Amino acid sequence: MSVFYDLISSDEVPAAHVIEVAGYPQDEAGSLAAFQYRQSQAPDLFLGVFLPSNSGRTLIGFVCSTLSPSPSLTHESMATHVPGGASVCLHSVCVAPAHRRRGLALGLLREYGARLQTAAYEGAGYERILLIAHEELRGLYEKAGFEWVGLSPVVHGSQPWFEMRRALASQLPGPPPPAAAPADLWAALQRASSRPKPMAQLLPSFANGVHDLAADLDGSRTNKYDLLCPRQGCGSVILKSGVATVVERESVRLEPEDQPSSILEALPAPSTLMPWWRVTPDAMAFENIGFSRPVQSQIQSDKRIKLLLCAECDLGPLGWHEEGGNEFWLACSRVGYCV
């Protein structure tokens, strides 16, 4: 998919707000008035990702911020734009539902960070980017260069927020740059960066299915191999070997019946027993995982679940997690194996 990045005009703010409302719970989504304020006060901090179209371009995602002199995020620094502030306070990163799971959010964050870094070098006065996020999105923001700070005092919606930040190098004079790396070292680095990613073998390639993938350990059957994203060309390590246990339990419908995944293997009808990788006690057990917004559980009507995605390329659903629970379930047929 060919996309490009550009600043969002005032005429495109309503379209951005539609994406915001579709992407966040009602108690977290920003208002149209807030969006208009941000674009009018800090238009150079409102970046969109677009698809070319017959009419010129179609907005499919955005990131927006305002400025503050505060080195940390507070209710005040999130509510008011202070021209000349050294902190870029990131309010929202959102991609239209029809274009998710394609790595657009990560690409947008990297583009945004690169533009702000360039502006900092050119004397814009930016020293850092600050944001607050729910814990399940930590992996996404860390891939975009952000560091984990801790629990934020900001209260917005029903879930806790955690602050993350990314430092921006300024244009201040410093010591002379280091000498160029020796040619042999540079060649070695180039070789390392061009190494192919692990090839993911899928479940059907194993003659005995899950029995070939599980090893007996202390009375449990754990994953013998690293679990990978099954998308060809991604191969991101989702879970290291020996972390998950295989469990036979009922299938779960992870996507609408009329919208099956074109990449991932279809799961059996609900109530049919199937093998799952069970991961506990929290998301830190994963090497790399992403989460969707909470959706209604089809197991218990009073529960909500989050769908598990590859944090590198957004492929999913690979599995699910009951909101507030401490068990994470990966479909054995929807992950790859590094053998």
C-alpha atoms as a PDB file:
ATOM      1  CA  MET A   1       0.000   0.000   0.000  1.00  0.00           C
ATOM      2  CA  SER A   2       1.458   3.360  -1.067  1.00  0.00           C
ATOM      3  CA  VAL A   3       0.990   6.082   1.562  1.00  0.00           C
ATOM      4  CA  PHE A   4       2.502   9.486   2.205  1.00  0.00           C
ATOM      5  CA  TYR A   5       2.729  11.888   5.134  1.00  0.00           C
ATOM      6  CA  ASP A   6       1.742  15.545   5.264  1.00  0.00           C
ATOM      7  CA  LEU A   7       0.399  18.142   7.687  1.00  0.00           C
ATOM      8  CA  ILE A   8      -3.367  18.160   8.148  1.00  0.00           C
ATOM      9  CA  SER A   9      -5.217  21.251   6.965  1.00  0.00           C
ATOM     10  CA  SER A  10      -8.066  22.884   8.864  1.00  0.00           C
ATOM     11  CA  ASP A  11     -10.528  21.427   6.325  1.00  0.00           C
ATOM     12  CA  GLU A  12      -9.294  17.910   7.139  1.00  0.00           C
ATOM     13  CA  VAL A  13      -9.725  18.211  10.923  1.00  0.00           C
ATOM     14  CA  PRO A  14     -13.310  16.796  10.894  1.00  0.00           C
ATOM     15  CA  ALA A  15     -12.050  13.717   9.013  1.00  0.00           C
ATOM     16  CA  ALA A  16      -9.342  13.257  11.638  1.00  0.00           C
ATOM     17  CA  HIS A  17     -11.942  13.530  14.374  1.00  0.00           C
ATOM     18  CA  VAL A  18     -14.047  10.798  12.750  1.00  0.00           C
ATOM     19  CA  ILE A  19     -10.987   8.496  12.931  1.00  0.00           C
ATOM     20  CA  GLU A  20     -10.464   9.496  16.589  1.00  0.00           C
ATOM     21  CA  VAL A  21     -14.041   8.622  17.551  1.00  0.00           C
ATOM     22  CA  ALA A  22     -13.747   5.244  15.785  1.00  0.00           C
ATOM     23  CA  GLY A  23     -10.433   4.503  17.489  1.00  0.00           C
ATOM     24  CA  TYR A  24     -10.959   5.433  21.136  1.00  0.00           C
ATOM     25  CA  PRO A  25     -13.613   4.670  23.766  1.00  0.00           C
ATOM     26  CA  GLN A  26     -16.168   7.421  24.266  1.00  0.00           C
ATOM     27  CA  ASP A  27     -14.610   8.523  27.566  1.00  0.00           C
ATOM     28  CA  GLU A  28     -11.149   8.889  25.957  1.00  0.00           C
ATOM     29  CA  ALA A  29     -11.833  10.348  22.499  1.00  0.00           C
ATOM     30  CA  GLY A  30     -11.034  14.032  22.053  1.00  0.00           C
ATOM     31  CA  SER A  31     -13.773  16.436  20.977  1.00  0.00           C
ATOM     32  CA  LEU A  32     -13.955  18.139  17.580  1.00  0.00           C
ATOM     33  CA  ALA A  33     -13.410  21.472  19.359  1.00  0.00           C
ATOM     34  CA  ALA A  34     -10.202  20.124  20.918  1.00  0.00           C
ATOM     35  CA  PHE A  35      -9.003  18.977  17.500  1.00  0.00           C
ATOM     36  CA  GLN A  36      -9.733  22.364  15.947  1.00  0.00           C
ATOM     37  CA  TYR A  37      -7.867  24.060  18.795  1.00  0.00           C
ATOM     38  CA  ARG A  38      -4.798  21.845  18.340  1.00  0.00           C
ATOM     39  CA  GLN A  39      -4.683  22.356  14.574  1.00  0.00           C
ATOM     40  CA  SER A  40      -5.163  26.115  14.837  1.00  0.00           C
ATOM     41  CA  GLN A  41      -2.550  26.562  17.592  1.00  0.00           C
ATOM     42  CA  ALA A  42       0.030  23.967  16.513  1.00  0.00           C
ATOM     43  CA  PRO A  43      -0.582  23.115  12.839  1.00  0.00           C
ATOM     44  CA  ASP A  44       3.005  21.919  12.377  1.00  0.00           C
ATOM     45  CA  LEU A  45       2.403  19.229  15.021  1.00  0.00           C
ATOM     46  CA  PHE A  46      -0.707  17.718  13.369  1.00  0.00           C
ATOM     47  CA  LEU A  47       0.583  15.119  10.907  1.00  0.00           C
ATOM     48  CA  GLY A  48      -1.507  12.813   8.750  1.00  0.00           C
ATOM     49  CA  VAL A  49      -0.886   9.641   6.762  1.00  0.00           C
ATOM     50  CA  PHE A  50      -2.708   9.688   3.424  1.00  0.00           C
ATOM     51  CA  LEU A  51      -3.653   7.482   0.522  1.00  0.00           C
ATOM     52  CA  PRO A  52      -3.565   9.042  -2.946  1.00  0.00           C
ATOM     53  CA  SER A  53      -7.084   9.329  -4.382  1.00  0.00           C
ATOM     54  CA  ASN A  54      -8.936  10.791  -7.341  1.00  0.00           C
ATOM     55  CA  SER A  55      -9.779  13.840  -5.235  1.00  0.00           C
ATOM     56  CA  GLY A  56      -6.135  14.277  -4.228  1.00  0.00           C
ATOM     57  CA  ARG A  57      -5.700  12.410  -0.964  1.00  0.00           C
ATOM     58  CA  THR A  58      -7.632  10.456   1.678  1.00  0.00           C
ATOM     59  CA  LEU A  59      -6.728  10.733   5.340  1.00  0.00           C
ATOM     60  CA  ILE A  60      -6.348   7.287   6.988  1.00  0.00           C
ATOM     61  CA  GLY A  61      -4.462   8.164  10.195  1.00  0.00           C
ATOM     62  CA  PHE A  62      -2.916  10.979  12.177  1.00  0.00           C
ATOM     63  CA  VAL A  63      -0.835  12.065  15.154  1.00  0.00           C
ATOM     64  CA  CYS A  64      -1.292  15.423  16.904  1.00  0.00           C
ATOM     65  CA  SER A  65       0.395  17.332  19.723  1.00  0.00           C
ATOM     66  CA  THR A  66       0.680  20.680  21.476  1.00  0.00           C
ATOM     67  CA  LEU A  67       3.613  22.292  23.316  1.00  0.00           C
ATOM     68  CA  SER A  68       4.301  22.774  27.002  1.00  0.00           C
ATOM     69  CA  PRO A  69       7.248  24.023  29.093  1.00  0.00           C
ATOM     70  CA  SER A  70       6.629  21.195  31.600  1.00  0.00           C
ATOM     71  CA  PRO A  71       9.132  18.287  31.531  1.00  0.00           C
ATOM     72  CA  SER A  72       6.315  15.869  32.425  1.00  0.00           C
ATOM     73  CA  LEU A  73       2.707  15.427  31.398  1.00  0.00           C
ATOM     74  CA  THR A  74       0.017  16.923  33.636  1.00  0.00           C
ATOM     75  CA  HIS A  75      -3.646  17.810  33.148  1.00  0.00           C
ATOM     76  CA  GLU A  76      -2.585  21.417  32.544  1.00  0.00           C
ATOM     77  CA  SER A  77       0.149  20.598  30.035  1.00  0.00           C
ATOM     78  CA  MET A  78      -2.283  18.369  28.123  1.00  0.00           C
ATOM     79  CA  ALA A  79      -5.031  21.015  28.051  1.00  0.00           C
ATOM     80  CA  THR A  80      -3.134  24.147  27.006  1.00  0.00           C
ATOM     81  CA  HIS A  81      -0.761  24.930  24.143  1.00  0.00           C
ATOM     82  CA  VAL A  82       2.208  27.088  25.172  1.00  0.00           C
ATOM     83  CA  PRO A  83       4.125  28.393  22.133  1.00  0.00           C
ATOM     84  CA  GLY A  84       7.861  27.891  22.511  1.00  0.00           C
ATOM     85  CA  GLY A  85       7.477  25.013  24.971  1.00  0.00           C
ATOM     86  CA  ALA A  86      10.290  22.448  24.946  1.00  0.00           C
ATOM     87  CA  SER A  87       7.977  19.458  25.440  1.00  0.00           C
ATOM     88  CA  VAL A  88       5.910  18.106  22.551  1.00  0.00           C
ATOM     89  CA  CYS A  89       2.831  16.677  24.294  1.00  0.00           C
ATOM     90  CA  LEU A  90       1.412  13.952  22.076  1.00  0.00           C
ATOM     91  CA  HIS A  91      -2.367  13.688  22.404  1.00  0.00           C
ATOM     92  CA  SER A  92      -3.435  11.042  19.932  1.00  0.00           C
ATOM     93  CA  VAL A  93      -2.162   8.465  17.447  1.00  0.00           C
ATOM     94  CA  CYS A  94      -4.941   6.828  15.477  1.00  0.00           C
ATOM     95  CA  VAL A  95      -5.436   4.857  12.256  1.00  0.00           C
ATOM     96  CA  ALA A  96      -8.801   4.316  10.555  1.00  0.00           C
ATOM     97  CA  PRO A  97     -10.246   0.848  11.369  1.00  0.00           C
ATOM     98  CA  ALA A  98     -10.142  -0.327   7.733  1.00  0.00           C
ATOM     99  CA  HIS A  99      -6.374   0.290   7.560  1.00  0.00           C
ATOM    100  CA  ARG A 100      -5.146  -1.180  10.855  1.00  0.00           C
ATOM    101  CA  ARG A 101      -2.775  -4.132  11.290  1.00  0.00           C
ATOM    102  CA  ARG A 102      -0.523  -2.887   8.485  1.00  0.00           C
ATOM    103  CA  GLY A 103       2.188  -1.165  10.515  1.00  0.00           C
ATOM    104  CA  LEU A 104       0.802   2.317   9.798  1.00  0.00           C
ATOM    105  CA  ALA A 105       0.774   3.471  13.435  1.00  0.00           C
ATOM    106  CA  LEU A 106       4.443   2.565  13.894  1.00  0.00           C
ATOM    107  CA  GLY A 107       5.375   4.153  10.562  1.00  0.00           C
ATOM    108  CA  LEU A 108       3.497   7.319  11.487  1.00  0.00           C
ATOM    109  CA  LEU A 109       5.251   7.551  14.867  1.00  0.00           C
ATOM    110  CA  ARG A 110       8.671   7.064  13.299  1.00  0.00           C
ATOM    111  CA  GLU A 111       7.977   9.712  10.654  1.00  0.00           C
ATOM    112  CA  TYR A 112       6.717  12.114  13.322  1.00  0.00           C
ATOM    113  CA  GLY A 113       9.768  11.534  15.511  1.00  0.00           C
ATOM    114  CA  ALA A 114      12.129  12.039  12.570  1.00  0.00           C
ATOM    115  CA  ARG A 115      10.466  15.333  11.637  1.00  0.00           C
ATOM    116  CA  LEU A 116      10.616  16.624  15.214  1.00  0.00           C
ATOM    117  CA  GLN A 117      14.251  15.575  15.519  1.00  0.00           C
ATOM    118  CA  THR A 118      15.081  17.493  12.345  1.00  0.00           C
ATOM    119  CA  ALA A 119      13.197  20.517  13.671  1.00  0.00           C
ATOM    120  CA  ALA A 120      15.142  20.279  16.945  1.00  0.00           C
ATOM    121  CA  TYR A 121      18.443  20.266  15.046  1.00  0.00           C
ATOM    122  CA  GLU A 122      17.260  23.335  13.129  1.00  0.00           C
ATOM    123  CA  GLY A 123      16.604  25.248  16.352  1.00  0.00           C
ATOM    124  CA  ALA A 124      12.887  24.709  16.980  1.00  0.00           C
ATOM    125  CA  GLY A 125      13.569  24.325  20.715  1.00  0.00           C
ATOM    126  CA  TYR A 126      12.028  20.874  21.074  1.00  0.00           C
ATOM    127  CA  GLU A 127      13.763  18.789  23.754  1.00  0.00           C
ATOM    128  CA  ARG A 128      11.452  15.834  24.198  1.00  0.00           C
ATOM    129  CA  ILE A 129       8.224  14.136  23.097  1.00  0.00           C
ATOM    130  CA  LEU A 130       5.885  13.100  25.916  1.00  0.00           C
ATOM    131  CA  LEU A 131       2.860  10.830  25.797  1.00  0.00           C
ATOM    132  CA  ILE A 132       0.635   8.747  28.014  1.00  0.00           C
ATOM    133  CA  ALA A 133      -0.515   5.282  26.965  1.00  0.00           C
ATOM    134  CA  HIS A 134      -2.188   2.197  28.298  1.00  0.00           C
ATOM    135  CA  GLU A 135       0.252  -0.539  29.274  1.00  0.00           C
ATOM    136  CA  GLU A 136      -0.615  -2.850  26.373  1.00  0.00           C
ATOM    137  CA  LEU A 137       0.721  -0.277  23.873  1.00  0.00           C
ATOM    138  CA  ARG A 138       4.135  -0.066  25.512  1.00  0.00           C
ATOM    139  CA  GLY A 139       5.729  -2.281  22.852  1.00  0.00           C
ATOM    140  CA  LEU A 140       4.506  -0.116  19.985  1.00  0.00           C
ATOM    141  CA  TYR A 141       5.893   3.095  21.460  1.00  0.00           C
ATOM    142  CA  GLU A 142       9.194   1.499  22.470  1.00  0.00           C
ATOM    143  CA  LYS A 143       9.689   0.450  18.839  1.00  0.00           C
ATOM    144  CA  ALA A 144       9.195   4.110  17.910  1.00  0.00           C
ATOM    145  CA  GLY A 145      11.978   5.185  20.285  1.00  0.00           C
ATOM    146  CA  PHE A 146      10.052   6.027  23.462  1.00  0.00           C
ATOM    147  CA  GLU A 147      11.175   5.090  26.971  1.00  0.00           C
ATOM    148  CA  TRP A 148       8.923   3.929  29.802  1.00  0.00           C
ATOM    149  CA  VAL A 149       8.634   6.444  32.675  1.00  0.00           C
ATOM    150  CA  GLY A 150       5.863   5.042  34.894  1.00  0.00           C
ATOM    151  CA  LEU A 151       2.348   5.638  36.130  1.00  0.00           C
ATOM    152  CA  SER A 152       0.967   9.048  35.123  1.00  0.00           C
ATOM    153  CA  PRO A 153      -1.078  11.296  37.423  1.00  0.00           C
ATOM    154  CA  VAL A 154      -3.301  12.152  34.449  1.00  0.00           C
ATOM    155  CA  VAL A 155      -6.804  10.668  34.733  1.00  0.00           C
ATOM    156  CA  HIS A 156      -8.732  10.423  31.474  1.00  0.00           C
ATOM    157  CA  GLY A 157     -11.282   7.655  31.029  1.00  0.00           C
ATOM    158  CA  SER A 158     -11.552   4.555  33.215  1.00  0.00           C
ATOM    159  CA  GLN A 159      -8.129   2.940  32.669  1.00  0.00           C
ATOM    160  CA  PRO A 160      -4.765   4.010  34.158  1.00  0.00           C
ATOM    161  CA  TRP A 161      -2.238   5.802  31.952  1.00  0.00           C
ATOM    162  CA  PHE A 162       1.537   5.473  31.890  1.00  0.00           C
ATOM    163  CA  GLU A 163       3.942   8.167  30.773  1.00  0.00           C
ATOM    164  CA  MET A 164       6.549   7.548  28.065  1.00  0.00           C
ATOM    165  CA  ARG A 165       9.063   9.945  26.578  1.00  0.00           C
ATOM    166  CA  ARG A 166      11.556  10.316  23.762  1.00  0.00           C
ATOM    167  CA  ALA A 167      14.483  12.734  24.057  1.00  0.00           C
ATOM    168  CA  LEU A 168      15.300  14.960  21.096  1.00  0.00           C
ATOM    169  CA  ALA A 169      18.860  16.090  20.452  1.00  0.00           C
ATOM    170  CA  SER A 170      19.206  19.881  20.278  1.00  0.00           C
ATOM    171  CA  GLN A 171      21.349  22.024  18.023  1.00  0.00           C
ATOM    172  CA  LEU A 172      23.678  23.031  20.847  1.00  0.00           C
ATOM    173  CA  PRO A 173      27.358  22.958  19.877  1.00  0.00           C
ATOM    174  CA  GLY A 174      29.220  19.913  21.114  1.00  0.00           C
ATOM    175  CA  PRO A 175      32.449  17.976  20.608  1.00  0.00           C
ATOM    176  CA  PRO A 176      33.562  17.184  17.064  1.00  0.00           C
ATOM    177  CA  PRO A 177      31.959  14.107  15.527  1.00  0.00           C
ATOM    178  CA  PRO A 178      33.845  10.825  15.922  1.00  0.00           C
ATOM    179  CA  ALA A 179      36.054   9.578  13.141  1.00  0.00           C
ATOM    180  CA  ALA A 180      34.399   7.469  10.481  1.00  0.00           C
ATOM    181  CA  ALA A 181      34.086   3.800  11.343  1.00  0.00           C
ATOM    182  CA  PRO A 182      36.710   1.525   9.772  1.00  0.00           C
ATOM    183  CA  ALA A 183      35.615   0.022   6.486  1.00  0.00           C
ATOM    184  CA  ASP A 184      35.686  -3.533   7.844  1.00  0.00           C
ATOM    185  CA  LEU A 185      33.464  -2.566  10.788  1.00  0.00           C
ATOM    186  CA  TRP A 186      31.023  -0.806   8.475  1.00  0.00           C
ATOM    187  CA  ALA A 187      30.902  -3.882   6.236  1.00  0.00           C
ATOM    188  CA  ALA A 188      30.197  -6.092   9.250  1.00  0.00           C
ATOM    189  CA  LEU A 189      27.345  -3.834  10.354  1.00  0.00           C
ATOM    190  CA  GLN A 190      25.890  -3.892   6.861  1.00  0.00           C
ATOM    191  CA  ARG A 191      26.021  -7.682   6.821  1.00  0.00           C
ATOM    192  CA  ALA A 192      24.273  -7.830  10.202  1.00  0.00           C
ATOM    193  CA  SER A 193      21.502  -5.463   9.104  1.00  0.00           C
ATOM    194  CA  SER A 194      20.851  -7.482   5.944  1.00  0.00           C
ATOM    195  CA  ARG A 195      20.486 -10.840   7.660  1.00  0.00           C
ATOM    196  CA  PRO A 196      17.163 -12.470   6.789  1.00  0.00           C
ATOM    197  CA  LYS A 197      14.533 -12.626   9.492  1.00  0.00           C
ATOM    198  CA  PRO A 198      13.619 -16.052  10.906  1.00  0.00           C
ATOM    199  CA  MET A 199      11.376 -18.118   8.674  1.00  0.00           C
ATOM    200  CA  ALA A 200       8.104 -19.000  10.362  1.00  0.00           C
ATOM    201  CA  GLN A 201       6.996 -22.599   9.910  1.00  0.00           C
ATOM    202  CA  LEU A 202       3.242 -22.963  10.234  1.00  0.00           C
ATOM    203  CA  LEU A 203       1.340 -25.638  12.137  1.00  0.00           C
ATOM    204  CA  PRO A 204       0.263 -27.683   9.049  1.00  0.00           C
ATOM    205  CA  SER A 205       3.938 -28.324   8.207  1.00  0.00           C
ATOM    206  CA  PHE A 206       4.328 -30.523  11.328  1.00  0.00           C
ATOM    207  CA  ALA A 207       3.241 -34.122  10.795  1.00  0.00           C
ATOM    208  CA  ASN A 208       1.981 -34.559  14.353  1.00  0.00           C
ATOM    209  CA  GLY A 209       0.682 -31.040  14.806  1.00  0.00           C
ATOM    210  CA  VAL A 210       1.062 -29.534  18.264  1.00  0.00           C
ATOM    211  CA  HIS A 211       2.604 -32.769  19.583  1.00  0.00           C
ATOM    212  CA  ASP A 212       5.752 -31.896  17.605  1.00  0.00           C
ATOM    213  CA  LEU A 213       5.836 -28.396  19.104  1.00  0.00           C
ATOM    214  CA  ALA A 214       5.375 -29.074  22.822  1.00  0.00           C
ATOM    215  CA  ALA A 215       8.040 -30.309  25.232  1.00  0.00           C
ATOM    216  CA  ASP A 216       7.284 -31.881  28.613  1.00  0.00           C
ATOM    217  CA  LEU A 217       8.605 -29.690  31.414  1.00  0.00           C
ATOM    218  CA  ASP A 218       7.701 -30.136  35.089  1.00  0.00           C
ATOM    219  CA  GLY A 219       4.455 -31.843  34.189  1.00  0.00           C
ATOM    220  CA  SER A 220       3.436 -29.193  31.629  1.00  0.00           C
ATOM    221  CA  ARG A 221       3.746 -29.168  27.856  1.00  0.00           C
ATOM    222  CA  THR A 222       5.552 -25.958  26.917  1.00  0.00           C
ATOM    223  CA  ASN A 223       6.421 -24.457  23.553  1.00  0.00           C
ATOM    224  CA  LYS A 224       9.584 -26.126  22.271  1.00  0.00           C
ATOM    225  CA  TYR A 225      10.352 -23.319  19.792  1.00  0.00           C
ATOM    226  CA  ASP A 226      10.137 -19.541  19.644  1.00  0.00           C
ATOM    227  CA  LEU A 227       6.734 -18.331  18.430  1.00  0.00           C
ATOM    228  CA  LEU A 228       6.907 -15.928  15.463  1.00  0.00           C
ATOM    229  CA  CYS A 229       4.603 -13.639  13.544  1.00  0.00           C
ATOM    230  CA  PRO A 230       3.387 -15.803  10.633  1.00  0.00           C
ATOM    231  CA  ARG A 231       3.410 -12.976   8.087  1.00  0.00           C
ATOM    232  CA  GLN A 232       5.974 -13.600   5.345  1.00  0.00           C
ATOM    233  CA  GLY A 233       8.705 -10.968   5.601  1.00  0.00           C
ATOM    234  CA  CYS A 234       7.968 -10.103   9.245  1.00  0.00           C
ATOM    235  CA  GLY A 235       8.982 -13.085  11.371  1.00  0.00           C
ATOM    236  CA  SER A 236       9.041 -10.995  14.546  1.00  0.00           C
ATOM    237  CA  VAL A 237       9.618 -13.076  17.706  1.00  0.00           C
ATOM    238  CA  ILE A 238       6.404 -12.953  19.741  1.00  0.00           C
ATOM    239  CA  LEU A 239       7.342 -15.373  22.510  1.00  0.00           C
ATOM    240  CA  LYS A 240      10.519 -17.236  23.460  1.00  0.00           C
ATOM    241  CA  SER A 241      10.569 -21.008  23.852  1.00  0.00           C
ATOM    242  CA  GLY A 242       9.547 -22.540  27.172  1.00  0.00           C
ATOM    243  CA  VAL A 243       7.183 -19.712  28.165  1.00  0.00           C
ATOM    244  CA  ALA A 244       3.730 -20.925  27.074  1.00  0.00           C
ATOM    245  CA  THR A 245       1.843 -24.124  27.838  1.00  0.00           C
ATOM    246  CA  VAL A 246      -0.456 -25.835  25.362  1.00  0.00           C
ATOM    247  CA  VAL A 247      -4.091 -26.170  26.447  1.00  0.00           C
ATOM    248  CA  GLU A 248      -7.079 -27.736  24.704  1.00  0.00           C
ATOM    249  CA  ARG A 249     -10.068 -25.447  25.076  1.00  0.00           C
ATOM    250  CA  GLU A 250     -13.020 -24.114  23.116  1.00  0.00           C
ATOM    251  CA  SER A 251     -12.492 -22.077  19.983  1.00  0.00           C
ATOM    252  CA  VAL A 252     -13.265 -18.355  20.071  1.00  0.00           C
ATOM    253  CA  ARG A 253     -14.532 -16.269  17.164  1.00  0.00           C
ATOM    254  CA  LEU A 254     -11.882 -13.569  16.788  1.00  0.00           C
ATOM    255  CA  GLU A 255     -13.298 -11.768  13.746  1.00  0.00           C
ATOM    256  CA  PRO A 256     -16.748 -11.366  12.179  1.00  0.00           C
ATOM    257  CA  GLU A 257     -17.994 -14.399  10.253  1.00  0.00           C
ATOM    258  CA  ASP A 258     -18.376 -12.323   7.099  1.00  0.00           C
ATOM    259  CA  GLN A 259     -14.858 -10.837   7.369  1.00  0.00           C
ATOM    260  CA  PRO A 260     -12.424 -13.779   7.645  1.00  0.00           C
ATOM    261  CA  SER A 261      -8.706 -13.042   7.634  1.00  0.00           C
ATOM    262  CA  SER A 262      -7.078 -13.404   4.227  1.00  0.00           C
ATOM    263  CA  ILE A 263      -3.743 -14.386   5.811  1.00  0.00           C
ATOM    264  CA  LEU A 264      -4.496 -16.256   9.020  1.00  0.00           C
ATOM    265  CA  GLU A 265      -5.973 -19.747   9.178  1.00  0.00           C
ATOM    266  CA  ALA A 266      -9.677 -19.860   9.998  1.00  0.00           C
ATOM    267  CA  LEU A 267     -10.473 -21.132  13.488  1.00  0.00           C
ATOM    268  CA  PRO A 268     -13.046 -23.863  14.177  1.00  0.00           C
ATOM    269  CA  ALA A 269     -16.581 -22.847  15.077  1.00  0.00           C
ATOM    270  CA  PRO A 270     -17.031 -21.711  18.692  1.00  0.00           C
ATOM    271  CA  SER A 271     -17.413 -24.559  21.229  1.00  0.00           C
ATOM    272  CA  THR A 272     -15.102 -26.785  19.133  1.00  0.00           C
ATOM    273  CA  LEU A 273     -12.007 -27.837  21.088  1.00  0.00           C
ATOM    274  CA  MET A 274      -8.696 -26.630  19.681  1.00  0.00           C
ATOM    275  CA  PRO A 275      -5.108 -26.126  20.929  1.00  0.00           C
ATOM    276  CA  TRP A 276      -4.065 -22.767  22.394  1.00  0.00           C
ATOM    277  CA  TRP A 277      -0.788 -21.472  23.823  1.00  0.00           C
ATOM    278  CA  ARG A 278      -1.517 -20.144  27.317  1.00  0.00           C
ATOM    279  CA  VAL A 279       0.788 -17.340  28.507  1.00  0.00           C
ATOM    280  CA  THR A 280       0.911 -15.998  32.070  1.00  0.00           C
ATOM    281  CA  PRO A 281       1.115 -13.996  34.312  1.00  0.00           C
ATOM    282  CA  ASP A 282       1.208 -10.710  32.364  1.00  0.00           C
ATOM    283  CA  ALA A 283       2.095  -9.107  29.033  1.00  0.00           C
ATOM    284  CA  MET A 284       5.761  -8.789  30.048  1.00  0.00           C
ATOM    285  CA  ALA A 285       6.115 -12.524  29.291  1.00  0.00           C
ATOM    286  CA  PHE A 286       5.982 -11.644  25.573  1.00  0.00           C
ATOM    287  CA  GLU A 287       8.879 -10.462  23.486  1.00  0.00           C
ATOM    288  CA  ASN A 288       6.611  -8.537  21.168  1.00  0.00           C
ATOM    289  CA  ILE A 289       2.815  -8.233  21.298  1.00  0.00           C
ATOM    290  CA  GLY A 290       0.127  -5.667  20.564  1.00  0.00           C
ATOM    291  CA  PHE A 291      -3.467  -5.323  21.709  1.00  0.00           C
ATOM    292  CA  SER A 292      -6.720  -4.129  20.172  1.00  0.00           C
ATOM    293  CA  ARG A 293      -9.352  -2.025  21.878  1.00  0.00           C
ATOM    294  CA  PRO A 294     -11.614  -4.047  24.201  1.00  0.00           C
ATOM    295  CA  VAL A 295     -14.411  -5.884  22.386  1.00  0.00           C
ATOM    296  CA  GLN A 296     -17.366  -7.919  23.657  1.00  0.00           C
ATOM    297  CA  SER A 297     -16.457 -11.464  24.690  1.00  0.00           C
ATOM    298  CA  GLN A 298     -18.368 -14.229  22.926  1.00  0.00           C
ATOM    299  CA  ILE A 299     -17.600 -16.570  25.819  1.00  0.00           C
ATOM    300  CA  GLN A 300     -19.224 -14.559  28.613  1.00  0.00           C
ATOM    301  CA  SER A 301     -21.605 -11.715  27.795  1.00  0.00           C
ATOM    302  CA  ASP A 302     -20.473  -9.660  30.800  1.00  0.00           C
ATOM    303  CA  LYS A 303     -16.777  -9.813  29.848  1.00  0.00           C
ATOM    304  CA  ARG A 304     -14.689  -7.894  27.342  1.00  0.00           C
ATOM    305  CA  ILE A 305     -11.552  -9.143  25.611  1.00  0.00           C
ATOM    306  CA  LYS A 306      -8.614  -7.602  23.781  1.00  0.00           C
ATOM    307  CA  LEU A 307      -7.316  -9.204  20.609  1.00  0.00           C
ATOM    308  CA  LEU A 308      -3.599 -10.015  20.354  1.00  0.00           C
ATOM    309  CA  LEU A 309      -1.624  -8.654  17.396  1.00  0.00           C
ATOM    310  CA  CYS A 310       1.944  -8.672  16.136  1.00  0.00           C
ATOM    311  CA  ALA A 311       3.391  -5.433  17.513  1.00  0.00           C
ATOM    312  CA  GLU A 312       5.778  -5.221  14.539  1.00  0.00           C
ATOM    313  CA  CYS A 313       3.334  -5.417  11.614  1.00  0.00           C
ATOM    314  CA  ASP A 314      -0.091  -5.376  13.366  1.00  0.00           C
ATOM    315  CA  LEU A 315      -1.109  -8.766  11.921  1.00  0.00           C
ATOM    316  CA  GLY A 316      -3.928 -10.336  13.892  1.00  0.00           C
ATOM    317  CA  PRO A 317      -5.952 -11.454  15.646  1.00  0.00           C
ATOM    318  CA  LEU A 318      -3.402 -14.056  16.762  1.00  0.00           C
ATOM    319  CA  GLY A 319      -5.260 -14.668  20.018  1.00  0.00           C
ATOM    320  CA  TRP A 320      -7.088 -12.946  22.856  1.00  0.00           C
ATOM    321  CA  HIS A 321      -6.905 -11.780  26.467  1.00  0.00           C
ATOM    322  CA  GLU A 322      -9.751 -11.173  28.899  1.00  0.00           C
ATOM    323  CA  GLU A 323      -9.639  -7.568  30.084  1.00  0.00           C
ATOM    324  CA  GLY A 324      -8.268  -7.476  33.651  1.00  0.00           C
ATOM    325  CA  GLY A 325      -7.221 -11.145  33.553  1.00  0.00           C
ATOM    326  CA  ASN A 326      -3.751 -12.673  33.765  1.00  0.00           C
ATOM    327  CA  GLU A 327      -3.994 -15.266  30.981  1.00  0.00           C
ATOM    328  CA  PHE A 328      -3.190 -14.646  27.315  1.00  0.00           C
ATOM    329  CA  TRP A 329      -4.237 -17.129  24.619  1.00  0.00           C
ATOM    330  CA  LEU A 330      -2.476 -17.554  21.260  1.00  0.00           C
ATOM    331  CA  ALA A 331      -4.058 -19.840  18.654  1.00  0.00           C
ATOM    332  CA  CYS A 332      -1.503 -22.537  17.839  1.00  0.00           C
ATOM    333  CA  SER A 333      -2.564 -22.343  14.179  1.00  0.00           C
ATOM    334  CA  ARG A 334      -2.122 -18.564  13.968  1.00  0.00           C
ATOM    335  CA  VAL A 335       1.532 -18.232  14.964  1.00  0.00           C
ATOM    336  CA  GLY A 336       4.707 -19.425  13.292  1.00  0.00           C
ATOM    337  CA  TYR A 337       7.507 -21.521  14.745  1.00  0.00           C
ATOM    338  CA  CYS A 338      11.273 -20.965  14.563  1.00  0.00           C
ATOM    339  CA  VAL A 339      12.674 -24.466  14.104  1.00  0.00           C
END
